[in-house]
């Protein structure tokens, strides 16, 4: 399920690479972040733990609004490839 082809979403180049059982790598406008997730068998192909969408690899924190946009971008990216992604809510109240 690894895939790194870029898709234009609302004017920004976005790529999502699902890394098997250990998570995903999200790239947008040349910036990247690692996100915890898991491969699934059943109705969904992959699960993303939204509470781990915290910061870019360069250390800059992600706002709640930006996190919501990233979740939307991942869903759109996956749907464009025929994949179903399940999103688990943040584990912390401030996340």
PDB file of N, CA and C in Angstrom:
ATOM      1  N   UNK A   1       0.812  -1.191   0.000  1.00  0.00           N
ATOM      2  CA  UNK A   1       0.000   0.000   0.000  1.00  0.00           C
ATOM      3  C   UNK A   1       0.863   1.265   0.000  1.00  0.00           C
ATOM      4  N   UNK A   2       2.156   1.103   0.034  1.00  0.00           N
ATOM      5  CA  UNK A   2       3.033   2.269  -0.026  1.00  0.00           C
ATOM      6  C   UNK A   2       2.806   3.000  -1.340  1.00  0.00           C
ATOM      7  N   UNK A   3       2.718   4.290  -1.245  1.00  0.00           N
ATOM      8  CA  UNK A   3       2.473   5.093  -2.433  1.00  0.00           C
ATOM      9  C   UNK A   3       2.961   6.492  -2.138  1.00  0.00           C
ATOM     10  N   UNK A   4       3.657   7.104  -3.032  1.00  0.00           N
ATOM     11  CA  UNK A   4       4.147   8.450  -2.770  1.00  0.00           C
ATOM     12  C   UNK A   4       3.899   9.406  -3.922  1.00  0.00           C
ATOM     13  N   UNK A   5       3.016   9.050  -4.837  1.00  0.00           N
ATOM     14  CA  UNK A   5       2.679   9.956  -5.928  1.00  0.00           C
ATOM     15  C   UNK A   5       1.971  11.178  -5.359  1.00  0.00           C
ATOM     16  N   UNK A   6       2.326  12.346  -5.860  1.00  0.00           N
ATOM     17  CA  UNK A   6       1.750  13.589  -5.370  1.00  0.00           C
ATOM     18  C   UNK A   6       0.405  13.858  -6.038  1.00  0.00           C
ATOM     19  N   UNK A   7      -0.536  14.345  -5.238  1.00  0.00           N
ATOM     20  CA  UNK A   7      -1.863  14.719  -5.710  1.00  0.00           C
ATOM     21  C   UNK A   7      -2.070  16.179  -5.338  1.00  0.00           C
ATOM     22  N   UNK A   8      -2.585  16.985  -6.257  1.00  0.00           N
ATOM     23  CA  UNK A   8      -2.872  18.379  -5.957  1.00  0.00           C
ATOM     24  C   UNK A   8      -4.212  18.449  -5.231  1.00  0.00           C
ATOM     25  N   UNK A   9      -4.194  18.946  -3.992  1.00  0.00           N
ATOM     26  CA  UNK A   9      -5.414  19.118  -3.211  1.00  0.00           C
ATOM     27  C   UNK A   9      -5.506  20.584  -2.813  1.00  0.00           C
ATOM     28  N   UNK A  10      -6.496  21.271  -3.340  1.00  0.00           N
ATOM     29  CA  UNK A  10      -6.710  22.691  -3.051  1.00  0.00           C
ATOM     30  C   UNK A  10      -5.457  23.528  -3.286  1.00  0.00           C
ATOM     31  N   UNK A  11      -4.713  23.209  -4.339  1.00  0.00           N
ATOM     32  CA  UNK A  11      -3.539  23.983  -4.704  1.00  0.00           C
ATOM     33  C   UNK A  11      -2.252  23.589  -4.003  1.00  0.00           C
ATOM     34  N   UNK A  12      -2.302  22.579  -3.143  1.00  0.00           N
ATOM     35  CA  UNK A  12      -1.094  22.127  -2.448  1.00  0.00           C
ATOM     36  C   UNK A  12      -0.753  20.710  -2.878  1.00  0.00           C
ATOM     37  N   UNK A  13       0.522  20.454  -3.191  1.00  0.00           N
ATOM     38  CA  UNK A  13       0.924  19.083  -3.511  1.00  0.00           C
ATOM     39  C   UNK A  13       0.943  18.243  -2.237  1.00  0.00           C
ATOM     40  N   UNK A  14       0.207  17.128  -2.246  1.00  0.00           N
ATOM     41  CA  UNK A  14       0.068  16.254  -1.079  1.00  0.00           C
ATOM     42  C   UNK A  14       0.426  14.838  -1.479  1.00  0.00           C
ATOM     43  N   UNK A  15       1.149  14.137  -0.597  1.00  0.00           N
ATOM     44  CA  UNK A  15       1.427  12.716  -0.798  1.00  0.00           C
ATOM     45  C   UNK A  15       1.299  12.014   0.548  1.00  0.00           C
ATOM     46  N   UNK A  16       0.784  10.798   0.508  1.00  0.00           N
ATOM     47  CA  UNK A  16       0.667   9.979   1.711  1.00  0.00           C
ATOM     48  C   UNK A  16       1.278   8.629   1.394  1.00  0.00           C
ATOM     49  N   UNK A  17       2.191   8.207   2.238  1.00  0.00           N
ATOM     50  CA  UNK A  17       2.791   6.880   2.087  1.00  0.00           C
ATOM     51  C   UNK A  17       2.409   6.067   3.312  1.00  0.00           C
ATOM     52  N   UNK A  18       1.602   5.036   3.097  1.00  0.00           N
ATOM     53  CA  UNK A  18       1.216   4.144   4.180  1.00  0.00           C
ATOM     54  C   UNK A  18       2.334   3.125   4.342  1.00  0.00           C
ATOM     55  N   UNK A  19       2.905   3.084   5.533  1.00  0.00           N
ATOM     56  CA  UNK A  19       4.129   2.320   5.773  1.00  0.00           C
ATOM     57  C   UNK A  19       3.867   0.982   6.451  1.00  0.00           C
ATOM     58  N   UNK A  20       2.793   0.346   6.104  1.00  0.00           N
ATOM     59  CA  UNK A  20       2.490  -0.956   6.692  1.00  0.00           C
ATOM     60  C   UNK A  20       2.004  -0.820   8.110  1.00  0.00           C
ATOM     61  N   UNK A  21       2.508  -1.658   8.990  1.00  0.00           N
ATOM     62  CA  UNK A  21       2.025  -1.718  10.359  1.00  0.00           C
ATOM     63  C   UNK A  21       2.518  -0.584  11.240  1.00  0.00           C
ATOM     64  N   UNK A  22       3.419   0.254  10.743  1.00  0.00           N
ATOM     65  CA  UNK A  22       4.029   1.248  11.635  1.00  0.00           C
ATOM     66  C   UNK A  22       3.525   2.669  11.434  1.00  0.00           C
ATOM     67  N   UNK A  23       2.670   2.945  10.490  1.00  0.00           N
ATOM     68  CA  UNK A  23       2.146   4.292  10.342  1.00  0.00           C
ATOM     69  C   UNK A  23       2.180   4.797   8.922  1.00  0.00           C
ATOM     70  N   UNK A  24       2.246   6.113   8.813  1.00  0.00           N
ATOM     71  CA  UNK A  24       2.210   6.757   7.506  1.00  0.00           C
ATOM     72  C   UNK A  24       3.138   7.962   7.511  1.00  0.00           C
ATOM     73  N   UNK A  25       3.564   8.360   6.315  1.00  0.00           N
ATOM     74  CA  UNK A  25       4.338   9.577   6.124  1.00  0.00           C
ATOM     75  C   UNK A  25       3.478  10.492   5.271  1.00  0.00           C
ATOM     76  N   UNK A  26       3.246  11.697   5.798  1.00  0.00           N
ATOM     77  CA  UNK A  26       2.426  12.699   5.119  1.00  0.00           C
ATOM     78  C   UNK A  26       3.348  13.801   4.617  1.00  0.00           C
ATOM     79  N   UNK A  27       3.172  14.195   3.363  1.00  0.00           N
ATOM     80  CA  UNK A  27       3.973  15.269   2.771  1.00  0.00           C
ATOM     81  C   UNK A  27       3.037  16.288   2.148  1.00  0.00           C
ATOM     82  N   UNK A  28       3.299  17.556   2.440  1.00  0.00           N
ATOM     83  CA  UNK A  28       2.510  18.654   1.863  1.00  0.00           C
ATOM     84  C   UNK A  28       3.439  19.828   1.624  1.00  0.00           C
ATOM     85  N   UNK A  29       3.449  20.332   0.416  1.00  0.00           N
ATOM     86  CA  UNK A  29       4.299  21.478   0.069  1.00  0.00           C
ATOM     87  C   UNK A  29       5.752  21.278   0.474  1.00  0.00           C
ATOM     88  N   UNK A  30       6.265  20.044   0.346  1.00  0.00           N
ATOM     89  CA  UNK A  30       7.657  19.760   0.643  1.00  0.00           C
ATOM     90  C   UNK A  30       7.968  19.509   2.113  1.00  0.00           C
ATOM     91  N   UNK A  31       6.977  19.642   2.991  1.00  0.00           N
ATOM     92  CA  UNK A  31       7.161  19.359   4.427  1.00  0.00           C
ATOM     93  C   UNK A  31       6.611  17.974   4.712  1.00  0.00           C
ATOM     94  N   UNK A  32       7.204  17.293   5.695  1.00  0.00           N
ATOM     95  CA  UNK A  32       6.770  15.934   6.006  1.00  0.00           C
ATOM     96  C   UNK A  32       6.514  15.763   7.501  1.00  0.00           C
ATOM     97  N   UNK A  33       5.741  14.739   7.809  1.00  0.00           N
ATOM     98  CA  UNK A  33       5.530  14.328   9.191  1.00  0.00           C
ATOM     99  C   UNK A  33       5.228  12.841   9.221  1.00  0.00           C
ATOM    100  N   UNK A  34       5.560  12.224  10.338  1.00  0.00           N
ATOM    101  CA  UNK A  34       5.230  10.823  10.573  1.00  0.00           C
ATOM    102  C   UNK A  34       3.963  10.775  11.403  1.00  0.00           C
ATOM    103  N   UNK A  35       3.068   9.850  11.046  1.00  0.00           N
ATOM    104  CA  UNK A  35       1.785   9.700  11.730  1.00  0.00           C
ATOM    105  C   UNK A  35       1.630   8.232  12.095  1.00  0.00           C
ATOM    106  N   UNK A  36       1.233   7.967  13.338  1.00  0.00           N
ATOM    107  CA  UNK A  36       1.000   6.589  13.748  1.00  0.00           C
ATOM    108  C   UNK A  36      -0.272   6.055  13.098  1.00  0.00           C
ATOM    109  N   UNK A  37      -0.225   4.795  12.736  1.00  0.00           N
ATOM    110  CA  UNK A  37      -1.375   4.153  12.116  1.00  0.00           C
ATOM    111  C   UNK A  37      -1.174   2.658  12.073  1.00  0.00           C
ATOM    112  N   UNK A  38      -2.098   1.978  11.443  1.00  0.00           N
ATOM    113  CA  UNK A  38      -2.022   0.518  11.360  1.00  0.00           C
ATOM    114  C   UNK A  38      -2.763   0.027  10.124  1.00  0.00           C
ATOM    115  N   UNK A  39      -2.228  -1.031   9.526  1.00  0.00           N
ATOM    116  CA  UNK A  39      -2.921  -1.704   8.439  1.00  0.00           C
ATOM    117  C   UNK A  39      -4.098  -2.452   9.037  1.00  0.00           C
ATOM    118  N   UNK A  40      -5.191  -2.517   8.303  1.00  0.00           N
ATOM    119  CA  UNK A  40      -6.380  -3.215   8.764  1.00  0.00           C
ATOM    120  C   UNK A  40      -6.809  -4.261   7.746  1.00  0.00           C
ATOM    121  N   UNK A  41      -7.582  -5.204   8.214  1.00  0.00           N
ATOM    122  CA  UNK A  41      -8.257  -6.136   7.314  1.00  0.00           C
ATOM    123  C   UNK A  41      -9.742  -5.984   7.596  1.00  0.00           C
ATOM    124  N   UNK A  42     -10.518  -5.842   6.592  1.00  0.00           N
ATOM    125  CA  UNK A  42     -11.946  -5.624   6.780  1.00  0.00           C
ATOM    126  C   UNK A  42     -12.407  -4.454   5.936  1.00  0.00           C
ATOM    127  N   UNK A  43     -13.360  -3.696   6.476  1.00  0.00           N
ATOM    128  CA  UNK A  43     -13.964  -2.603   5.710  1.00  0.00           C
ATOM    129  C   UNK A  43     -12.974  -1.489   5.383  1.00  0.00           C
ATOM    130  N   UNK A  44     -12.045  -1.203   6.302  1.00  0.00           N
ATOM    131  CA  UNK A  44     -11.040  -0.159   6.069  1.00  0.00           C
ATOM    132  C   UNK A  44      -9.691  -0.807   5.790  1.00  0.00           C
ATOM    133  N   UNK A  45      -8.880  -0.100   4.988  1.00  0.00           N
ATOM    134  CA  UNK A  45      -7.544  -0.597   4.646  1.00  0.00           C
ATOM    135  C   UNK A  45      -6.485  -0.163   5.656  1.00  0.00           C
ATOM    136  N   UNK A  46      -6.703   1.010   6.263  1.00  0.00           N
ATOM    137  CA  UNK A  46      -5.681   1.588   7.125  1.00  0.00           C
ATOM    138  C   UNK A  46      -6.355   2.440   8.194  1.00  0.00           C
ATOM    139  N   UNK A  47      -5.746   2.506   9.379  1.00  0.00           N
ATOM    140  CA  UNK A  47      -6.233   3.351  10.454  1.00  0.00           C
ATOM    141  C   UNK A  47      -5.178   4.407  10.755  1.00  0.00           C
ATOM    142  N   UNK A  48      -5.628   5.654  10.923  1.00  0.00           N
ATOM    143  CA  UNK A  48      -4.761   6.762  11.294  1.00  0.00           C
ATOM    144  C   UNK A  48      -5.146   7.199  12.703  1.00  0.00           C
ATOM    145  N   UNK A  49      -4.156   7.351  13.580  1.00  0.00           N
ATOM    146  CA  UNK A  49      -4.389   7.856  14.924  1.00  0.00           C
ATOM    147  C   UNK A  49      -4.217   9.375  14.897  1.00  0.00           C
ATOM    148  N   UNK A  50      -5.344  10.084  14.857  1.00  0.00           N
ATOM    149  CA  UNK A  50      -5.347  11.530  14.673  1.00  0.00           C
ATOM    150  C   UNK A  50      -4.545  12.248  15.757  1.00  0.00           C
ATOM    151  N   UNK A  51      -4.523  11.708  16.958  1.00  0.00           N
ATOM    152  CA  UNK A  51      -3.785  12.331  18.051  1.00  0.00           C
ATOM    153  C   UNK A  51      -2.289  12.385  17.847  1.00  0.00           C
ATOM    154  N   UNK A  52      -1.786  11.675  16.832  1.00  0.00           N
ATOM    155  CA  UNK A  52      -0.344  11.711  16.564  1.00  0.00           C
ATOM    156  C   UNK A  52       0.018  12.718  15.467  1.00  0.00           C
ATOM    157  N   UNK A  53      -0.976  13.434  14.960  1.00  0.00           N
ATOM    158  CA  UNK A  53      -0.716  14.511  13.993  1.00  0.00           C
ATOM    159  C   UNK A  53      -0.434  15.755  14.825  1.00  0.00           C
ATOM    160  N   UNK A  54       0.834  15.879  15.249  1.00  0.00           N
ATOM    161  CA  UNK A  54       1.217  16.887  16.234  1.00  0.00           C
ATOM    162  C   UNK A  54       2.155  17.936  15.662  1.00  0.00           C
ATOM    163  N   UNK A  55       3.167  17.472  14.904  1.00  0.00           N
ATOM    164  CA  UNK A  55       4.170  18.417  14.412  1.00  0.00           C
ATOM    165  C   UNK A  55       4.815  17.906  13.137  1.00  0.00           C
ATOM    166  N   UNK A  56       5.329  18.877  12.379  1.00  0.00           N
ATOM    167  CA  UNK A  56       6.107  18.559  11.193  1.00  0.00           C
ATOM    168  C   UNK A  56       7.452  18.002  11.632  1.00  0.00           C
ATOM    169  N   UNK A  57       8.127  17.324  10.733  1.00  0.00           N
ATOM    170  CA  UNK A  57       9.441  16.756  11.058  1.00  0.00           C
ATOM    171  C   UNK A  57      10.461  17.816  11.446  1.00  0.00           C
ATOM    172  N   UNK A  58      10.236  19.079  11.036  1.00  0.00           N
ATOM    173  CA  UNK A  58      11.160  20.152  11.424  1.00  0.00           C
ATOM    174  C   UNK A  58      10.868  20.690  12.830  1.00  0.00           C
ATOM    175  N   UNK A  59       9.847  20.113  13.519  1.00  0.00           N
ATOM    176  CA  UNK A  59       9.536  20.494  14.884  1.00  0.00           C
ATOM    177  C   UNK A  59       8.404  21.491  15.043  1.00  0.00           C
ATOM    178  N   UNK A  60       7.949  22.124  13.952  1.00  0.00           N
ATOM    179  CA  UNK A  60       6.857  23.090  14.066  1.00  0.00           C
ATOM    180  C   UNK A  60       5.559  22.364  14.416  1.00  0.00           C
ATOM    181  N   UNK A  61       4.884  22.857  15.454  1.00  0.00           N
ATOM    182  CA  UNK A  61       3.629  22.252  15.893  1.00  0.00           C
ATOM    183  C   UNK A  61       2.510  22.517  14.889  1.00  0.00           C
ATOM    184  N   UNK A  62       1.530  21.631  14.891  1.00  0.00           N
ATOM    185  CA  UNK A  62       0.387  21.715  13.986  1.00  0.00           C
ATOM    186  C   UNK A  62      -0.825  22.178  14.798  1.00  0.00           C
ATOM    187  N   UNK A  63      -1.501  23.215  14.319  1.00  0.00           N
ATOM    188  CA  UNK A  63      -2.705  23.701  14.993  1.00  0.00           C
ATOM    189  C   UNK A  63      -3.854  22.700  14.798  1.00  0.00           C
ATOM    190  N   UNK A  64      -4.899  22.854  15.599  1.00  0.00           N
ATOM    191  CA  UNK A  64      -6.070  21.987  15.460  1.00  0.00           C
ATOM    192  C   UNK A  64      -6.690  22.153  14.075  1.00  0.00           C
ATOM    193  N   UNK A  65      -6.784  23.393  13.586  1.00  0.00           N
ATOM    194  CA  UNK A  65      -7.339  23.617  12.241  1.00  0.00           C
ATOM    195  C   UNK A  65      -6.496  22.930  11.175  1.00  0.00           C
ATOM    196  N   UNK A  66      -5.185  23.032  11.293  1.00  0.00           N
ATOM    197  CA  UNK A  66      -4.289  22.391  10.323  1.00  0.00           C
ATOM    198  C   UNK A  66      -4.422  20.872  10.423  1.00  0.00           C
ATOM    199  N   UNK A  67      -4.531  20.338  11.646  1.00  0.00           N
ATOM    200  CA  UNK A  67      -4.698  18.890  11.816  1.00  0.00           C
ATOM    201  C   UNK A  67      -5.973  18.424  11.106  1.00  0.00           C
ATOM    202  N   UNK A  68      -7.044  19.192  11.257  1.00  0.00           N
ATOM    203  CA  UNK A  68      -8.295  18.825  10.591  1.00  0.00           C
ATOM    204  C   UNK A  68      -8.138  18.841   9.075  1.00  0.00           C
ATOM    205  N   UNK A  69      -7.396  19.805   8.569  1.00  0.00           N
ATOM    206  CA  UNK A  69      -7.141  19.861   7.128  1.00  0.00           C
ATOM    207  C   UNK A  69      -6.295  18.678   6.670  1.00  0.00           C
ATOM    208  N   UNK A  70      -5.301  18.292   7.457  1.00  0.00           N
ATOM    209  CA  UNK A  70      -4.464  17.139   7.119  1.00  0.00           C
ATOM    210  C   UNK A  70      -5.311  15.872   7.077  1.00  0.00           C
ATOM    211  N   UNK A  71      -6.200  15.692   8.066  1.00  0.00           N
ATOM    212  CA  UNK A  71      -7.092  14.531   8.068  1.00  0.00           C
ATOM    213  C   UNK A  71      -7.934  14.517   6.791  1.00  0.00           C
ATOM    214  N   UNK A  72      -8.492  15.662   6.430  1.00  0.00           N
ATOM    215  CA  UNK A  72      -9.284  15.760   5.203  1.00  0.00           C
ATOM    216  C   UNK A  72      -8.438  15.433   3.977  1.00  0.00           C
ATOM    217  N   UNK A  73      -7.208  15.944   3.935  1.00  0.00           N
ATOM    218  CA  UNK A  73      -6.321  15.673   2.803  1.00  0.00           C
ATOM    219  C   UNK A  73      -5.981  14.188   2.698  1.00  0.00           C
ATOM    220  N   UNK A  74      -5.728  13.546   3.841  1.00  0.00           N
ATOM    221  CA  UNK A  74      -5.419  12.116   3.820  1.00  0.00           C
ATOM    222  C   UNK A  74      -6.623  11.328   3.306  1.00  0.00           C
ATOM    223  N   UNK A  75      -7.813  11.680   3.772  1.00  0.00           N
ATOM    224  CA  UNK A  75      -9.025  10.997   3.313  1.00  0.00           C
ATOM    225  C   UNK A  75      -9.224  11.172   1.814  1.00  0.00           C
ATOM    226  N   UNK A  76      -9.021  12.374   1.309  1.00  0.00           N
ATOM    227  CA  UNK A  76      -9.172  12.639  -0.128  1.00  0.00           C
ATOM    228  C   UNK A  76      -8.113  11.911  -0.945  1.00  0.00           C
ATOM    229  N   UNK A  77      -6.880  11.918  -0.450  1.00  0.00           N
ATOM    230  CA  UNK A  77      -5.788  11.229  -1.133  1.00  0.00           C
ATOM    231  C   UNK A  77      -6.088   9.733  -1.219  1.00  0.00           C
ATOM    232  N   UNK A  78      -6.472   9.139  -0.089  1.00  0.00           N
ATOM    233  CA  UNK A  78      -6.765   7.701  -0.059  1.00  0.00           C
ATOM    234  C   UNK A  78      -7.941   7.365  -0.980  1.00  0.00           C
ATOM    235  N   UNK A  79      -8.996   8.163  -0.918  1.00  0.00           N
ATOM    236  CA  UNK A  79     -10.176   7.910  -1.759  1.00  0.00           C
ATOM    237  C   UNK A  79      -9.823   7.970  -3.239  1.00  0.00           C
ATOM    238  N   UNK A  80      -8.892   8.854  -3.604  1.00  0.00           N
ATOM    239  CA  UNK A  80      -8.510   8.975  -5.015  1.00  0.00           C
ATOM    240  C   UNK A  80      -7.813   7.711  -5.521  1.00  0.00           C
ATOM    241  N   UNK A  81      -7.352   6.879  -4.585  1.00  0.00           N
ATOM    242  CA  UNK A  81      -6.679   5.627  -4.930  1.00  0.00           C
ATOM    243  C   UNK A  81      -7.515   4.394  -4.598  1.00  0.00           C
ATOM    244  N   UNK A  82      -8.757   4.630  -4.167  1.00  0.00           N
ATOM    245  CA  UNK A  82      -9.651   3.523  -3.864  1.00  0.00           C
ATOM    246  C   UNK A  82      -9.417   2.886  -2.508  1.00  0.00           C
ATOM    247  N   UNK A  83      -8.717   3.579  -1.621  1.00  0.00           N
ATOM    248  CA  UNK A  83      -8.432   3.056  -0.286  1.00  0.00           C
ATOM    249  C   UNK A  83      -9.415   3.637   0.712  1.00  0.00           C
ATOM    250  N   UNK A  84      -9.714   2.885   1.749  1.00  0.00           N
ATOM    251  CA  UNK A  84     -10.578   3.346   2.829  1.00  0.00           C
ATOM    252  C   UNK A  84      -9.711   3.511   4.075  1.00  0.00           C
ATOM    253  N   UNK A  85      -9.762   4.699   4.656  1.00  0.00           N
ATOM    254  CA  UNK A  85      -8.985   4.994   5.854  1.00  0.00           C
ATOM    255  C   UNK A  85      -9.952   5.302   6.996  1.00  0.00           C
ATOM    256  N   UNK A  86      -9.693   4.691   8.137  1.00  0.00           N
ATOM    257  CA  UNK A  86     -10.454   4.957   9.361  1.00  0.00           C
ATOM    258  C   UNK A  86      -9.612   5.889  10.213  1.00  0.00           C
ATOM    259  N   UNK A  87     -10.253   6.877  10.817  1.00  0.00           N
ATOM    260  CA  UNK A  87      -9.544   7.833  11.665  1.00  0.00           C
ATOM    261  C   UNK A  87      -9.986   7.645  13.105  1.00  0.00           C
ATOM    262  N   UNK A  88      -9.011   7.497  14.010  1.00  0.00           N
ATOM    263  CA  UNK A  88      -9.297   7.399  15.441  1.00  0.00           C
ATOM    264  C   UNK A  88      -9.084   8.767  16.057  1.00  0.00           C
ATOM    265  N   UNK A  89      -9.985   9.161  16.925  1.00  0.00           N
ATOM    266  CA  UNK A  89      -9.960  10.477  17.554  1.00  0.00           C
ATOM    267  C   UNK A  89      -8.702  10.670  18.394  1.00  0.00           C
ATOM    268  N   UNK A  90      -8.378  11.949  18.654  1.00  0.00           N
ATOM    269  CA  UNK A  90      -7.229  12.241  19.520  1.00  0.00           C
ATOM    270  C   UNK A  90      -7.377  11.561  20.862  1.00  0.00           C
ATOM    271  N   UNK A  91      -6.259  11.150  21.429  1.00  0.00           N
ATOM    272  CA  UNK A  91      -6.259  10.488  22.718  1.00  0.00           C
ATOM    273  C   UNK A  91      -6.192  11.472  23.872  1.00  0.00           C
ATOM    274  N   UNK A  92      -5.749  12.710  23.582  1.00  0.00           N
ATOM    275  CA  UNK A  92      -5.641  13.730  24.626  1.00  0.00           C
ATOM    276  C   UNK A  92      -6.673  14.819  24.360  1.00  0.00           C
ATOM    277  N   UNK A  93      -7.259  15.426  25.426  1.00  0.00           N
ATOM    278  CA  UNK A  93      -8.262  16.465  25.214  1.00  0.00           C
ATOM    279  C   UNK A  93      -7.718  17.700  24.511  1.00  0.00           C
ATOM    280  N   UNK A  94      -6.420  17.984  24.647  1.00  0.00           N
ATOM    281  CA  UNK A  94      -5.840  19.177  24.010  1.00  0.00           C
ATOM    282  C   UNK A  94      -5.307  18.877  22.620  1.00  0.00           C
ATOM    283  N   UNK A  95      -5.411  17.637  22.182  1.00  0.00           N
ATOM    284  CA  UNK A  95      -4.859  17.261  20.885  1.00  0.00           C
ATOM    285  C   UNK A  95      -5.818  17.575  19.768  1.00  0.00           C
TER     286      UNK A  95
END
